[in-house]
Amino acid sequence: MTRKTEIGYYALLVVLVLGSLRFGQLMWQQQQTLLHLQKQAKQLKHKQAIAKTSHQKVKQVVAKSTITKASETSQ
């Protein structure tokens, strides 16, 4: 094997190692982004559930108030 061929193989090896490291880094970043989005989705679902419950409570209060006003008016 000539010196030039040997250098070529080492250069190819370095390129492959660097490419693998970059690919690994991109996969790690993608995983972190996915985890972050899943966390945000969970928080939004929780907020939606709270908002729905609050809305139902407001509707109940309004209904009670309307019934009370109606009964006061009829008396």
N, C-alpha and C. Protein backbone atom coordinates (compact mmCIF):
# COMPACT_ATOMS: atom_id res chain seq x y z
N MET A 1 0.86 -1.18 0.00
CA MET A 1 0.00 0.00 0.00
C MET A 1 0.90 1.24 0.00
N THR A 2 0.63 2.14 -0.89
CA THR A 2 1.47 3.33 -0.98
C THR A 2 1.08 4.33 0.09
N ARG A 3 1.94 5.24 0.32
CA ARG A 3 1.71 6.28 1.33
C ARG A 3 0.48 7.12 0.96
N LYS A 4 0.31 7.39 -0.33
CA LYS A 4 -0.81 8.20 -0.80
C LYS A 4 -2.14 7.47 -0.54
N THR A 5 -2.18 6.17 -0.78
CA THR A 5 -3.38 5.37 -0.55
C THR A 5 -3.69 5.33 0.94
N GLU A 6 -2.65 5.17 1.74
CA GLU A 6 -2.82 5.12 3.20
C GLU A 6 -3.41 6.43 3.72
N ILE A 7 -2.92 7.55 3.24
CA ILE A 7 -3.44 8.86 3.64
C ILE A 7 -4.89 9.01 3.20
N GLY A 8 -5.21 8.50 2.02
CA GLY A 8 -6.58 8.55 1.51
C GLY A 8 -7.53 7.77 2.41
N TYR A 9 -7.10 6.59 2.87
CA TYR A 9 -7.94 5.80 3.77
C TYR A 9 -8.14 6.49 5.11
N TYR A 10 -7.08 7.09 5.63
CA TYR A 10 -7.21 7.83 6.90
C TYR A 10 -8.14 9.04 6.74
N ALA A 11 -8.03 9.70 5.61
CA ALA A 11 -8.90 10.86 5.36
C ALA A 11 -10.36 10.40 5.28
N LEU A 12 -10.60 9.27 4.60
CA LEU A 12 -11.94 8.73 4.50
C LEU A 12 -12.47 8.35 5.88
N LEU A 13 -11.62 7.75 6.68
CA LEU A 13 -12.00 7.37 8.04
C LEU A 13 -12.38 8.61 8.87
N VAL A 14 -11.59 9.67 8.75
CA VAL A 14 -11.88 10.91 9.49
C VAL A 14 -13.22 11.48 9.03
N VAL A 15 -13.47 11.49 7.74
CA VAL A 15 -14.73 12.01 7.21
C VAL A 15 -15.91 11.19 7.73
N LEU A 16 -15.75 9.87 7.74
CA LEU A 16 -16.83 9.01 8.23
C LEU A 16 -17.09 9.23 9.72
N VAL A 17 -16.03 9.37 10.50
CA VAL A 17 -16.20 9.61 11.94
C VAL A 17 -16.88 10.94 12.19
N LEU A 18 -16.43 11.97 11.50
CA LEU A 18 -17.04 13.30 11.68
C LEU A 18 -18.50 13.29 11.23
N GLY A 19 -18.79 12.60 10.13
CA GLY A 19 -20.17 12.49 9.66
C GLY A 19 -21.04 11.77 10.66
N SER A 20 -20.50 10.71 11.26
CA SER A 20 -21.26 9.96 12.27
C SER A 20 -21.53 10.81 13.50
N LEU A 21 -20.54 11.57 13.92
CA LEU A 21 -20.72 12.45 15.09
C LEU A 21 -21.79 13.50 14.81
N ARG A 22 -21.76 14.08 13.62
CA ARG A 22 -22.76 15.10 13.27
C ARG A 22 -24.15 14.49 13.20
N PHE A 23 -24.25 13.30 12.62
CA PHE A 23 -25.53 12.62 12.54
C PHE A 23 -26.06 12.34 13.94
N GLY A 24 -25.19 11.88 14.83
CA GLY A 24 -25.59 11.63 16.22
C GLY A 24 -26.07 12.88 16.91
N GLN A 25 -25.38 13.98 16.65
CA GLN A 25 -25.78 15.26 17.25
C GLN A 25 -27.16 15.68 16.75
N LEU A 26 -27.41 15.52 15.46
CA LEU A 26 -28.72 15.88 14.91
C LEU A 26 -29.83 15.01 15.48
N MET A 27 -29.55 13.73 15.65
CA MET A 27 -30.56 12.83 16.23
C MET A 27 -30.85 13.23 17.68
N TRP A 28 -29.82 13.60 18.41
CA TRP A 28 -30.00 14.02 19.80
C TRP A 28 -30.84 15.29 19.87
N GLN A 29 -30.54 16.25 18.99
CA GLN A 29 -31.31 17.50 18.96
C GLN A 29 -32.77 17.22 18.61
N GLN A 30 -32.99 16.33 17.67
CA GLN A 30 -34.36 15.99 17.28
C GLN A 30 -35.11 15.37 18.46
N GLN A 31 -34.43 14.50 19.21
CA GLN A 31 -35.05 13.87 20.37
C GLN A 31 -35.40 14.91 21.43
N GLN A 32 -34.50 15.87 21.65
CA GLN A 32 -34.77 16.92 22.64
C GLN A 32 -35.96 17.77 22.23
N THR A 33 -36.03 18.10 20.93
CA THR A 33 -37.15 18.88 20.42
C THR A 33 -38.46 18.12 20.59
N LEU A 34 -38.43 16.83 20.28
CA LEU A 34 -39.62 16.00 20.43
C LEU A 34 -40.08 15.96 21.89
N LEU A 35 -39.15 15.79 22.81
CA LEU A 35 -39.50 15.76 24.23
C LEU A 35 -40.11 17.09 24.67
N HIS A 36 -39.53 18.19 24.18
CA HIS A 36 -40.03 19.51 24.52
C HIS A 36 -41.46 19.70 24.00
N LEU A 37 -41.70 19.28 22.76
CA LEU A 37 -43.05 19.42 22.18
C LEU A 37 -44.06 18.54 22.90
N GLN A 38 -43.64 17.35 23.31
CA GLN A 38 -44.54 16.48 24.06
C GLN A 38 -44.91 17.10 25.41
N LYS A 39 -43.92 17.74 26.04
CA LYS A 39 -44.17 18.41 27.32
C LYS A 39 -45.15 19.57 27.13
N GLN A 40 -44.95 20.35 26.06
CA GLN A 40 -45.86 21.46 25.79
C GLN A 40 -47.28 20.97 25.51
N ALA A 41 -47.39 19.87 24.77
CA ALA A 41 -48.71 19.32 24.46
C ALA A 41 -49.42 18.88 25.73
N LYS A 42 -48.68 18.28 26.64
CA LYS A 42 -49.26 17.84 27.92
C LYS A 42 -49.74 19.05 28.73
N GLN A 43 -48.93 20.11 28.75
CA GLN A 43 -49.32 21.32 29.47
C GLN A 43 -50.58 21.94 28.86
N LEU A 44 -50.65 21.97 27.53
CA LEU A 44 -51.82 22.54 26.86
C LEU A 44 -53.08 21.73 27.14
N LYS A 45 -52.96 20.41 27.16
CA LYS A 45 -54.12 19.58 27.48
C LYS A 45 -54.61 19.87 28.89
N HIS A 46 -53.66 20.05 29.81
CA HIS A 46 -54.01 20.36 31.19
C HIS A 46 -54.73 21.71 31.27
N LYS A 47 -54.19 22.71 30.56
CA LYS A 47 -54.82 24.04 30.56
C LYS A 47 -56.21 23.99 29.94
N GLN A 48 -56.37 23.19 28.88
CA GLN A 48 -57.68 23.07 28.25
C GLN A 48 -58.69 22.45 29.21
N ALA A 49 -58.25 21.45 29.97
CA ALA A 49 -59.15 20.80 30.92
C ALA A 49 -59.57 21.79 32.00
N ILE A 50 -58.62 22.60 32.47
CA ILE A 50 -58.93 23.61 33.49
C ILE A 50 -59.90 24.64 32.93
N ALA A 51 -59.66 25.09 31.70
CA ALA A 51 -60.53 26.09 31.08
C ALA A 51 -61.94 25.53 30.89
N LYS A 52 -62.03 24.27 30.49
CA LYS A 52 -63.35 23.66 30.30
C LYS A 52 -64.10 23.59 31.62
N THR A 53 -63.40 23.19 32.68
CA THR A 53 -64.02 23.11 34.01
C THR A 53 -64.47 24.49 34.46
N SER A 54 -63.62 25.50 34.27
CA SER A 54 -63.97 26.87 34.66
C SER A 54 -65.19 27.35 33.88
N HIS A 55 -65.23 27.04 32.59
CA HIS A 55 -66.37 27.46 31.77
C HIS A 55 -67.66 26.81 32.26
N GLN A 56 -67.58 25.55 32.64
CA GLN A 56 -68.77 24.86 33.15
C GLN A 56 -69.23 25.49 34.46
N LYS A 57 -68.29 25.87 35.31
CA LYS A 57 -68.65 26.51 36.58
C LYS A 57 -69.32 27.85 36.33
N VAL A 58 -68.81 28.61 35.38
CA VAL A 58 -69.41 29.91 35.05
C VAL A 58 -70.84 29.71 34.54
N LYS A 59 -71.03 28.71 33.69
CA LYS A 59 -72.38 28.44 33.18
C LYS A 59 -73.33 28.07 34.32
N GLN A 60 -72.84 27.31 35.30
CA GLN A 60 -73.67 26.94 36.44
C GLN A 60 -74.06 28.16 37.26
N VAL A 61 -73.09 29.05 37.49
CA VAL A 61 -73.36 30.25 38.27
C VAL A 61 -74.37 31.14 37.54
N VAL A 62 -74.20 31.28 36.24
CA VAL A 62 -75.12 32.10 35.46
C VAL A 62 -76.52 31.49 35.50
N ALA A 63 -76.60 30.18 35.39
CA ALA A 63 -77.91 29.51 35.44
C ALA A 63 -78.57 29.71 36.79
N LYS A 64 -77.82 29.57 37.87
CA LYS A 64 -78.38 29.77 39.22
C LYS A 64 -78.85 31.21 39.39
N SER A 65 -78.03 32.14 38.89
CA SER A 65 -78.39 33.54 39.00
C SER A 65 -79.67 33.85 38.24
N THR A 66 -79.79 33.27 37.05
CA THR A 66 -80.99 33.48 36.24
C THR A 66 -82.21 32.91 36.94
N ILE A 67 -82.07 31.73 37.52
CA ILE A 67 -83.19 31.11 38.24
C ILE A 67 -83.58 31.96 39.44
N THR A 68 -82.58 32.46 40.16
CA THR A 68 -82.85 33.29 41.32
C THR A 68 -83.58 34.57 40.92
N LYS A 69 -83.11 35.23 39.87
CA LYS A 69 -83.75 36.45 39.38
C LYS A 69 -85.17 36.18 38.93
N ALA A 70 -85.37 35.07 38.26
CA ALA A 70 -86.70 34.72 37.76
C ALA A 70 -87.66 34.46 38.93
N SER A 71 -87.17 33.79 39.96
CA SER A 71 -88.04 33.49 41.09
C SER A 71 -88.33 34.78 41.88
N GLU A 72 -87.36 35.70 41.96
CA GLU A 72 -87.59 36.97 42.65
C GLU A 72 -88.60 37.81 41.88
N THR A 73 -88.52 37.77 40.56
CA THR A 73 -89.42 38.54 39.72
C THR A 73 -90.85 38.02 39.84
N SER A 74 -90.99 36.71 39.93
CA SER A 74 -92.35 36.13 39.99
C SER A 74 -93.00 36.33 41.34
N GLN A 75 -92.22 36.63 42.35
CA GLN A 75 -92.81 36.80 43.69
C GLN A 75 -93.39 38.14 43.89
